[in-house]
Each structure stands twice: as C-alpha cells, then as structure tokens.
Amino acid sequence: MDKREQILHIALELFYSRGYDAVGVQEIAEKSGVSKPTLYYYFKSKYGLLEQLLKEGCTRFVEGLEQAANFTGDLRGTLWACARVFADFAEQAPRFYHLLFSMFHFPHESAPYQAVRPIVRRQQRAVEQIFEAASGQLGNMHGRQKQFSLGFAGLISYFIEMKFEESKSGEICISDEEIYSLVHQFMHGIYS
C-alpha cells in the first residue's frame, strides 16, 4: 500500500469509528506514518481527503447502480438488480457503506453532508429513472416517481443498516432470497 492509499485507509477507519469532526489532520497523518505536509500534498485539506475517499469508494457502486437501473421492461427484475448492487456494496465494504449512508443524515451545513450529498443524489436519480421508465406499467404513478424511488432506496438502506445492527462481527451477508422478499414487499405496496 502506497502512502496515498495508506492515508485513505486510515482516514476511513478513523472517520468510521469516531466521526469526521472528531478526527484531526495531525492524527490521520501520524497514524498513516506520514507528515502533515505529505497528507496536504495528496489531498490539500481534510475535506479534500474526505471527498477523495468518497469518490474512490463510491465510483464502482454508483456506476453499477446506474447500470442495474437500466430499465428494459421488467420492473421487478430491475429493482432486484439494484437492490443486489446495494447489498453487494455493503457486503464488500461494510464500514465504508455505513459511513457513507450515515453521513447523509448529518446537518445539511456540515462538511460530511456536503461531501456525500452529490453521491447520494446521483444514486437516488438512478433509482428514480426506473420509475419514470416504468410509468406505463404503473397506473398509479401520477408523478410519484420520486416518492417511489425514495421509498425503495430507503427500504433497502434501512434493511442493510439493520443487518449491520444484528451483526456481531461488523460483516454482513444478504441473500438473494432476502433481496427478493424486499422487492416483493415493495412491489406489493406500490401496486396496492
């Protein structure tokens, strides 16, 4: 692991365990085995470090979600594929996933919220486009694409958070059957 990767790794661990505001640049530098000027060389600021951490950690997730959200006529299958992307991301990077989605609940003026907002908005837009594309299949849509997308993403996200809560190891595993059940529950709700 090179110095830059080491800094990102340590920052993730510290932000995850104590929160962004509780961690200083000096501590990140010391635990990474680099000087503050080295950290600033790579990231310019603590906020720049957070932005880069989010960018590198989320690119594959968001791109995978956008690909899975490509609606081809099968709403249930498309929602299942999107839910699987969320679950796979959480399984592969549980600490990062938890940090990412917890930061969206920070005060709106805070640095963590400002850094994560564009990522969560992009993710939300991908899901919303599914419902826009499926509006012909959903007679009860009537401009509720955003409401449906928020409900779906919220259901998946909170299910994953509950899996974390139940996990003693901090690792989670979400089965295809669990994904199917969540999608089925959501579909039942929007068609009723």
C-alpha atoms as a PDB file:
ATOM      1  CA  MET A   1       0.000   0.000   0.000  1.00  0.00           C
ATOM      2  CA  ASP A   2       1.488   3.340  -1.015  1.00  0.00           C
ATOM      3  CA  LYS A   3       1.342   6.455   1.175  1.00  0.00           C
ATOM      4  CA  ARG A   4      -1.761   7.857  -0.520  1.00  0.00           C
ATOM      5  CA  GLU A   5      -3.675   4.589  -0.124  1.00  0.00           C
ATOM      6  CA  GLN A   6      -2.498   4.295   3.487  1.00  0.00           C
ATOM      7  CA  ILE A   7      -3.834   7.772   4.263  1.00  0.00           C
ATOM      8  CA  LEU A   8      -7.205   6.919   2.684  1.00  0.00           C
ATOM      9  CA  HIS A   9      -7.368   3.637   4.593  1.00  0.00           C
ATOM     10  CA  ILE A  10      -6.562   5.254   7.945  1.00  0.00           C
ATOM     11  CA  ALA A  11      -8.966   8.136   7.313  1.00  0.00           C
ATOM     12  CA  LEU A  12     -11.776   5.670   6.589  1.00  0.00           C
ATOM     13  CA  GLU A  13     -11.099   3.767   9.807  1.00  0.00           C
ATOM     14  CA  LEU A  14     -10.948   6.939  11.896  1.00  0.00           C
ATOM     15  CA  PHE A  15     -13.990   8.613  10.301  1.00  0.00           C
ATOM     16  CA  TYR A  16     -15.941   5.371  10.660  1.00  0.00           C
ATOM     17  CA  SER A  17     -15.043   4.807  14.302  1.00  0.00           C
ATOM     18  CA  ARG A  18     -15.171   8.377  15.633  1.00  0.00           C
ATOM     19  CA  GLY A  19     -16.755  10.605  13.009  1.00  0.00           C
ATOM     20  CA  TYR A  20     -15.338  13.186  10.650  1.00  0.00           C
ATOM     21  CA  ASP A  21     -15.422  16.118  13.076  1.00  0.00           C
ATOM     22  CA  ALA A  22     -13.695  14.211  15.888  1.00  0.00           C
ATOM     23  CA  VAL A  23     -10.638  13.370  13.788  1.00  0.00           C
ATOM     24  CA  GLY A  24      -7.869  15.853  13.055  1.00  0.00           C
ATOM     25  CA  VAL A  25      -5.393  16.001  10.203  1.00  0.00           C
ATOM     26  CA  GLN A  26      -2.482  15.521  12.590  1.00  0.00           C
ATOM     27  CA  GLU A  27      -3.932  12.262  13.887  1.00  0.00           C
ATOM     28  CA  ILE A  28      -4.570  10.957  10.366  1.00  0.00           C
ATOM     29  CA  ALA A  29      -1.013  11.848   9.359  1.00  0.00           C
ATOM     30  CA  GLU A  30       0.550  10.250  12.447  1.00  0.00           C
ATOM     31  CA  LYS A  31      -1.435   7.017  12.161  1.00  0.00           C
ATOM     32  CA  SER A  32      -0.651   6.879   8.438  1.00  0.00           C
ATOM     33  CA  GLY A  33       3.061   7.283   9.108  1.00  0.00           C
ATOM     34  CA  VAL A  34       3.349  10.471   7.063  1.00  0.00           C
ATOM     35  CA  SER A  35       3.876  14.137   7.820  1.00  0.00           C
ATOM     36  CA  LYS A  36       1.090  16.703   7.607  1.00  0.00           C
ATOM     37  CA  PRO A  37       2.737  18.303   4.547  1.00  0.00           C
ATOM     38  CA  THR A  38       2.662  14.882   2.830  1.00  0.00           C
ATOM     39  CA  LEU A  39      -1.023  14.500   3.609  1.00  0.00           C
ATOM     40  CA  TYR A  40      -1.674  18.000   2.271  1.00  0.00           C
ATOM     41  CA  TYR A  41       0.372  17.205  -0.828  1.00  0.00           C
ATOM     42  CA  TYR A  42      -2.004  14.384  -1.702  1.00  0.00           C
ATOM     43  CA  PHE A  43      -5.306  15.871  -0.540  1.00  0.00           C
ATOM     44  CA  LYS A  44      -4.916  19.638   0.077  1.00  0.00           C
ATOM     45  CA  SER A  45      -7.238  19.541   3.129  1.00  0.00           C
ATOM     46  CA  LYS A  46      -9.176  17.256   5.425  1.00  0.00           C
ATOM     47  CA  TYR A  47     -12.288  17.944   3.352  1.00  0.00           C
ATOM     48  CA  GLY A  48     -10.361  17.138   0.167  1.00  0.00           C
ATOM     49  CA  LEU A  49      -9.349  13.847   1.775  1.00  0.00           C
ATOM     50  CA  LEU A  50     -12.987  13.077   2.575  1.00  0.00           C
ATOM     51  CA  GLU A  51     -14.090  13.940  -0.970  1.00  0.00           C
ATOM     52  CA  GLN A  52     -11.418  11.683  -2.469  1.00  0.00           C
ATOM     53  CA  LEU A  53     -12.257   8.865  -0.068  1.00  0.00           C
ATOM     54  CA  LEU A  54     -15.910   9.080  -1.122  1.00  0.00           C
ATOM     55  CA  LYS A  55     -15.101   9.366  -4.811  1.00  0.00           C
ATOM     56  CA  GLU A  56     -12.827   6.345  -4.841  1.00  0.00           C
ATOM     57  CA  GLY A  57     -15.107   4.298  -2.635  1.00  0.00           C
ATOM     58  CA  CYS A  58     -18.326   5.085  -4.494  1.00  0.00           C
ATOM     59  CA  THR A  59     -17.426   5.129  -8.171  1.00  0.00           C
ATOM     60  CA  ARG A  60     -17.972   1.402  -8.751  1.00  0.00           C
ATOM     61  CA  PHE A  61     -21.101   1.394  -6.584  1.00  0.00           C
ATOM     62  CA  VAL A  62     -22.803   4.300  -8.349  1.00  0.00           C
ATOM     63  CA  GLU A  63     -21.781   3.133 -11.820  1.00  0.00           C
ATOM     64  CA  GLY A  64     -23.027  -0.371 -11.002  1.00  0.00           C
ATOM     65  CA  LEU A  65     -26.298   1.047  -9.721  1.00  0.00           C
ATOM     66  CA  GLU A  66     -26.765   3.168 -12.831  1.00  0.00           C
ATOM     67  CA  GLN A  67     -26.173   0.110 -14.995  1.00  0.00           C
ATOM     68  CA  ALA A  68     -28.574  -2.046 -12.950  1.00  0.00           C
ATOM     69  CA  ALA A  69     -31.211   0.719 -13.147  1.00  0.00           C
ATOM     70  CA  ASN A  70     -31.309   0.494 -16.934  1.00  0.00           C
ATOM     71  CA  PHE A  71     -34.990  -0.446 -17.261  1.00  0.00           C
ATOM     72  CA  THR A  72     -35.755  -2.948 -20.011  1.00  0.00           C
ATOM     73  CA  GLY A  73     -39.396  -3.685 -19.217  1.00  0.00           C
ATOM     74  CA  ASP A  74     -39.044  -5.903 -16.137  1.00  0.00           C
ATOM     75  CA  LEU A  75     -39.683  -3.725 -13.093  1.00  0.00           C
ATOM     76  CA  ARG A  76     -39.277  -6.499 -10.530  1.00  0.00           C
ATOM     77  CA  GLY A  77     -36.035  -7.680 -12.149  1.00  0.00           C
ATOM     78  CA  THR A  78     -34.650  -4.149 -12.383  1.00  0.00           C
ATOM     79  CA  LEU A  79     -35.423  -3.421  -8.733  1.00  0.00           C
ATOM     80  CA  TRP A  80     -33.902  -6.748  -7.718  1.00  0.00           C
ATOM     81  CA  ALA A  81     -30.705  -5.924  -9.647  1.00  0.00           C
ATOM     82  CA  CYS A  82     -30.475  -2.509  -7.977  1.00  0.00           C
ATOM     83  CA  ALA A  83     -31.066  -3.945  -4.526  1.00  0.00           C
ATOM     84  CA  ARG A  84     -28.367  -6.535  -5.203  1.00  0.00           C
ATOM     85  CA  VAL A  85     -25.916  -3.710  -6.077  1.00  0.00           C
ATOM     86  CA  PHE A  86     -26.675  -2.033  -2.720  1.00  0.00           C
ATOM     87  CA  ALA A  87     -26.252  -5.339  -0.876  1.00  0.00           C
ATOM     88  CA  ASP A  88     -23.040  -6.288  -2.684  1.00  0.00           C
ATOM     89  CA  PHE A  89     -21.537  -2.892  -1.918  1.00  0.00           C
ATOM     90  CA  ALA A  90     -22.445  -3.220   1.771  1.00  0.00           C
ATOM     91  CA  GLU A  91     -21.052  -6.762   1.924  1.00  0.00           C
ATOM     92  CA  GLN A  92     -17.760  -5.844   0.222  1.00  0.00           C
ATOM     93  CA  ALA A  93     -17.123  -2.602   2.100  1.00  0.00           C
ATOM     94  CA  PRO A  94     -19.281  -2.616   5.243  1.00  0.00           C
ATOM     95  CA  ARG A  95     -17.506   0.183   7.097  1.00  0.00           C
ATOM     96  CA  PHE A  96     -17.440   2.379   4.045  1.00  0.00           C
ATOM     97  CA  TYR A  97     -21.122   1.699   3.305  1.00  0.00           C
ATOM     98  CA  HIS A  98     -22.132   2.520   6.869  1.00  0.00           C
ATOM     99  CA  LEU A  99     -20.057   5.709   6.889  1.00  0.00           C
ATOM    100  CA  LEU A 100     -21.429   6.808   3.523  1.00  0.00           C
ATOM    101  CA  PHE A 101     -25.076   6.452   4.389  1.00  0.00           C
ATOM    102  CA  SER A 102     -24.749   7.769   7.934  1.00  0.00           C
ATOM    103  CA  MET A 103     -23.176  10.992   6.634  1.00  0.00           C
ATOM    104  CA  PHE A 104     -26.326  11.770   4.652  1.00  0.00           C
ATOM    105  CA  HIS A 105     -28.110  12.213   7.985  1.00  0.00           C
ATOM    106  CA  PHE A 106     -25.664  14.844   9.245  1.00  0.00           C
ATOM    107  CA  PRO A 107     -26.735  18.501   9.494  1.00  0.00           C
ATOM    108  CA  HIS A 108     -27.062  19.939   5.990  1.00  0.00           C
ATOM    109  CA  GLU A 109     -24.409  22.592   6.556  1.00  0.00           C
ATOM    110  CA  SER A 110     -21.817  20.066   7.763  1.00  0.00           C
ATOM    111  CA  ALA A 111     -18.810  19.047   5.699  1.00  0.00           C
ATOM    112  CA  PRO A 112     -19.709  15.330   5.672  1.00  0.00           C
ATOM    113  CA  TYR A 113     -23.217  16.034   4.366  1.00  0.00           C
ATOM    114  CA  GLN A 114     -21.902  18.398   1.692  1.00  0.00           C
ATOM    115  CA  ALA A 115     -19.351  15.801   0.567  1.00  0.00           C
ATOM    116  CA  VAL A 116     -21.785  12.879   0.404  1.00  0.00           C
ATOM    117  CA  ARG A 117     -24.788  14.749  -0.994  1.00  0.00           C
ATOM    118  CA  PRO A 118     -23.788  14.587  -4.694  1.00  0.00           C
ATOM    119  CA  ILE A 119     -23.171  10.840  -4.439  1.00  0.00           C
ATOM    120  CA  VAL A 120     -26.475  10.100  -2.750  1.00  0.00           C
ATOM    121  CA  ARG A 121     -28.309  12.388  -5.189  1.00  0.00           C
ATOM    122  CA  ARG A 122     -26.748  10.548  -8.141  1.00  0.00           C
ATOM    123  CA  GLN A 123     -27.731   7.211  -6.609  1.00  0.00           C
ATOM    124  CA  GLN A 124     -31.255   8.485  -5.989  1.00  0.00           C
ATOM    125  CA  ARG A 125     -31.563   9.776  -9.549  1.00  0.00           C
ATOM    126  CA  ALA A 126     -30.622   6.349 -10.936  1.00  0.00           C
ATOM    127  CA  VAL A 127     -33.420   4.712  -8.935  1.00  0.00           C
ATOM    128  CA  GLU A 128     -35.915   7.449  -9.819  1.00  0.00           C
ATOM    129  CA  GLN A 129     -35.281   6.879 -13.522  1.00  0.00           C
ATOM    130  CA  ILE A 130     -36.507   3.295 -13.129  1.00  0.00           C
ATOM    131  CA  PHE A 131     -39.928   4.534 -12.076  1.00  0.00           C
ATOM    132  CA  GLU A 132     -40.000   7.161 -14.795  1.00  0.00           C
ATOM    133  CA  ALA A 133     -39.273   4.469 -17.384  1.00  0.00           C
ATOM    134  CA  ALA A 134     -41.822   2.086 -15.831  1.00  0.00           C
ATOM    135  CA  SER A 135     -44.607   4.658 -15.551  1.00  0.00           C
ATOM    136  CA  GLY A 136     -46.546   2.906 -18.338  1.00  0.00           C
ATOM    137  CA  GLN A 137     -46.659  -0.262 -16.211  1.00  0.00           C
ATOM    138  CA  LEU A 138     -47.643   1.574 -13.049  1.00  0.00           C
ATOM    139  CA  GLY A 139     -51.088   3.040 -13.418  1.00  0.00           C
ATOM    140  CA  ASN A 140     -50.852   4.686 -10.018  1.00  0.00           C
ATOM    141  CA  MET A 141     -47.638   6.602 -10.751  1.00  0.00           C
ATOM    142  CA  HIS A 142     -49.194  10.064 -11.272  1.00  0.00           C
ATOM    143  CA  GLY A 143     -45.937  11.945 -10.758  1.00  0.00           C
ATOM    144  CA  ARG A 144     -44.830   9.876  -7.768  1.00  0.00           C
ATOM    145  CA  GLN A 145     -41.558   8.658  -9.274  1.00  0.00           C
ATOM    146  CA  LYS A 146     -39.517  10.459  -6.645  1.00  0.00           C
ATOM    147  CA  GLN A 147     -41.703   9.163  -3.824  1.00  0.00           C
ATOM    148  CA  PHE A 148     -41.371   5.580  -5.107  1.00  0.00           C
ATOM    149  CA  SER A 149     -37.604   5.887  -5.551  1.00  0.00           C
ATOM    150  CA  LEU A 150     -37.139   7.292  -2.046  1.00  0.00           C
ATOM    151  CA  GLY A 151     -39.288   4.520  -0.600  1.00  0.00           C
ATOM    152  CA  PHE A 152     -37.368   1.819  -2.435  1.00  0.00           C
ATOM    153  CA  ALA A 153     -33.889   3.163  -1.627  1.00  0.00           C
ATOM    154  CA  GLY A 154     -34.939   3.769   1.977  1.00  0.00           C
ATOM    155  CA  LEU A 155     -36.292   0.238   2.373  1.00  0.00           C
ATOM    156  CA  ILE A 156     -33.071  -1.294   1.054  1.00  0.00           C
ATOM    157  CA  SER A 157     -30.795   1.047   3.023  1.00  0.00           C
ATOM    158  CA  TYR A 158     -32.576   0.526   6.331  1.00  0.00           C
ATOM    159  CA  PHE A 159     -32.679  -3.220   5.834  1.00  0.00           C
ATOM    160  CA  ILE A 160     -28.907  -3.175   5.333  1.00  0.00           C
ATOM    161  CA  GLU A 161     -28.455  -0.982   8.419  1.00  0.00           C
ATOM    162  CA  MET A 162     -30.489  -3.463  10.477  1.00  0.00           C
ATOM    163  CA  LYS A 163     -28.256  -6.279   9.206  1.00  0.00           C
ATOM    164  CA  PHE A 164     -25.265  -4.275  10.493  1.00  0.00           C
ATOM    165  CA  GLU A 165     -27.016  -3.758  13.809  1.00  0.00           C
ATOM    166  CA  GLU A 166     -27.580  -7.512  14.174  1.00  0.00           C
ATOM    167  CA  SER A 167     -24.045  -8.431  13.130  1.00  0.00           C
ATOM    168  CA  LYS A 168     -21.593  -9.111  15.902  1.00  0.00           C
ATOM    169  CA  SER A 169     -18.599  -9.121  13.552  1.00  0.00           C
ATOM    170  CA  GLY A 170     -19.413  -5.986  11.559  1.00  0.00           C
ATOM    171  CA  GLU A 171     -19.675  -8.118   8.422  1.00  0.00           C
ATOM    172  CA  ILE A 172     -22.968  -8.825   6.714  1.00  0.00           C
ATOM    173  CA  CYS A 173     -24.364 -11.243   4.165  1.00  0.00           C
ATOM    174  CA  ILE A 174     -27.600 -10.557   2.326  1.00  0.00           C
ATOM    175  CA  SER A 175     -29.086 -13.481   0.458  1.00  0.00           C
ATOM    176  CA  ASP A 176     -30.857 -13.382  -2.870  1.00  0.00           C
ATOM    177  CA  GLU A 177     -33.964 -14.585  -1.045  1.00  0.00           C
ATOM    178  CA  GLU A 178     -33.838 -11.582   1.279  1.00  0.00           C
ATOM    179  CA  ILE A 179     -33.481  -9.271  -1.719  1.00  0.00           C
ATOM    180  CA  TYR A 180     -36.399 -10.985  -3.428  1.00  0.00           C
ATOM    181  CA  SER A 181     -38.529 -10.605  -0.298  1.00  0.00           C
ATOM    182  CA  LEU A 182     -37.753  -6.882  -0.011  1.00  0.00           C
ATOM    183  CA  VAL A 183     -38.542  -6.260  -3.676  1.00  0.00           C
ATOM    184  CA  HIS A 184     -41.740  -8.306  -3.381  1.00  0.00           C
ATOM    185  CA  GLN A 185     -42.804  -6.307  -0.311  1.00  0.00           C
ATOM    186  CA  PHE A 186     -42.088  -3.026  -2.083  1.00  0.00           C
ATOM    187  CA  MET A 187     -43.909  -4.102  -5.262  1.00  0.00           C
ATOM    188  CA  HIS A 188     -46.927  -5.176  -3.227  1.00  0.00           C
ATOM    189  CA  GLY A 189     -47.033  -1.716  -1.655  1.00  0.00           C
ATOM    190  CA  ILE A 190     -46.867   0.241  -4.895  1.00  0.00           C
ATOM    191  CA  TYR A 191     -49.477  -1.866  -6.644  1.00  0.00           C
ATOM    192  CA  SER A 192     -51.980  -1.712  -3.777  1.00  0.00           C
END
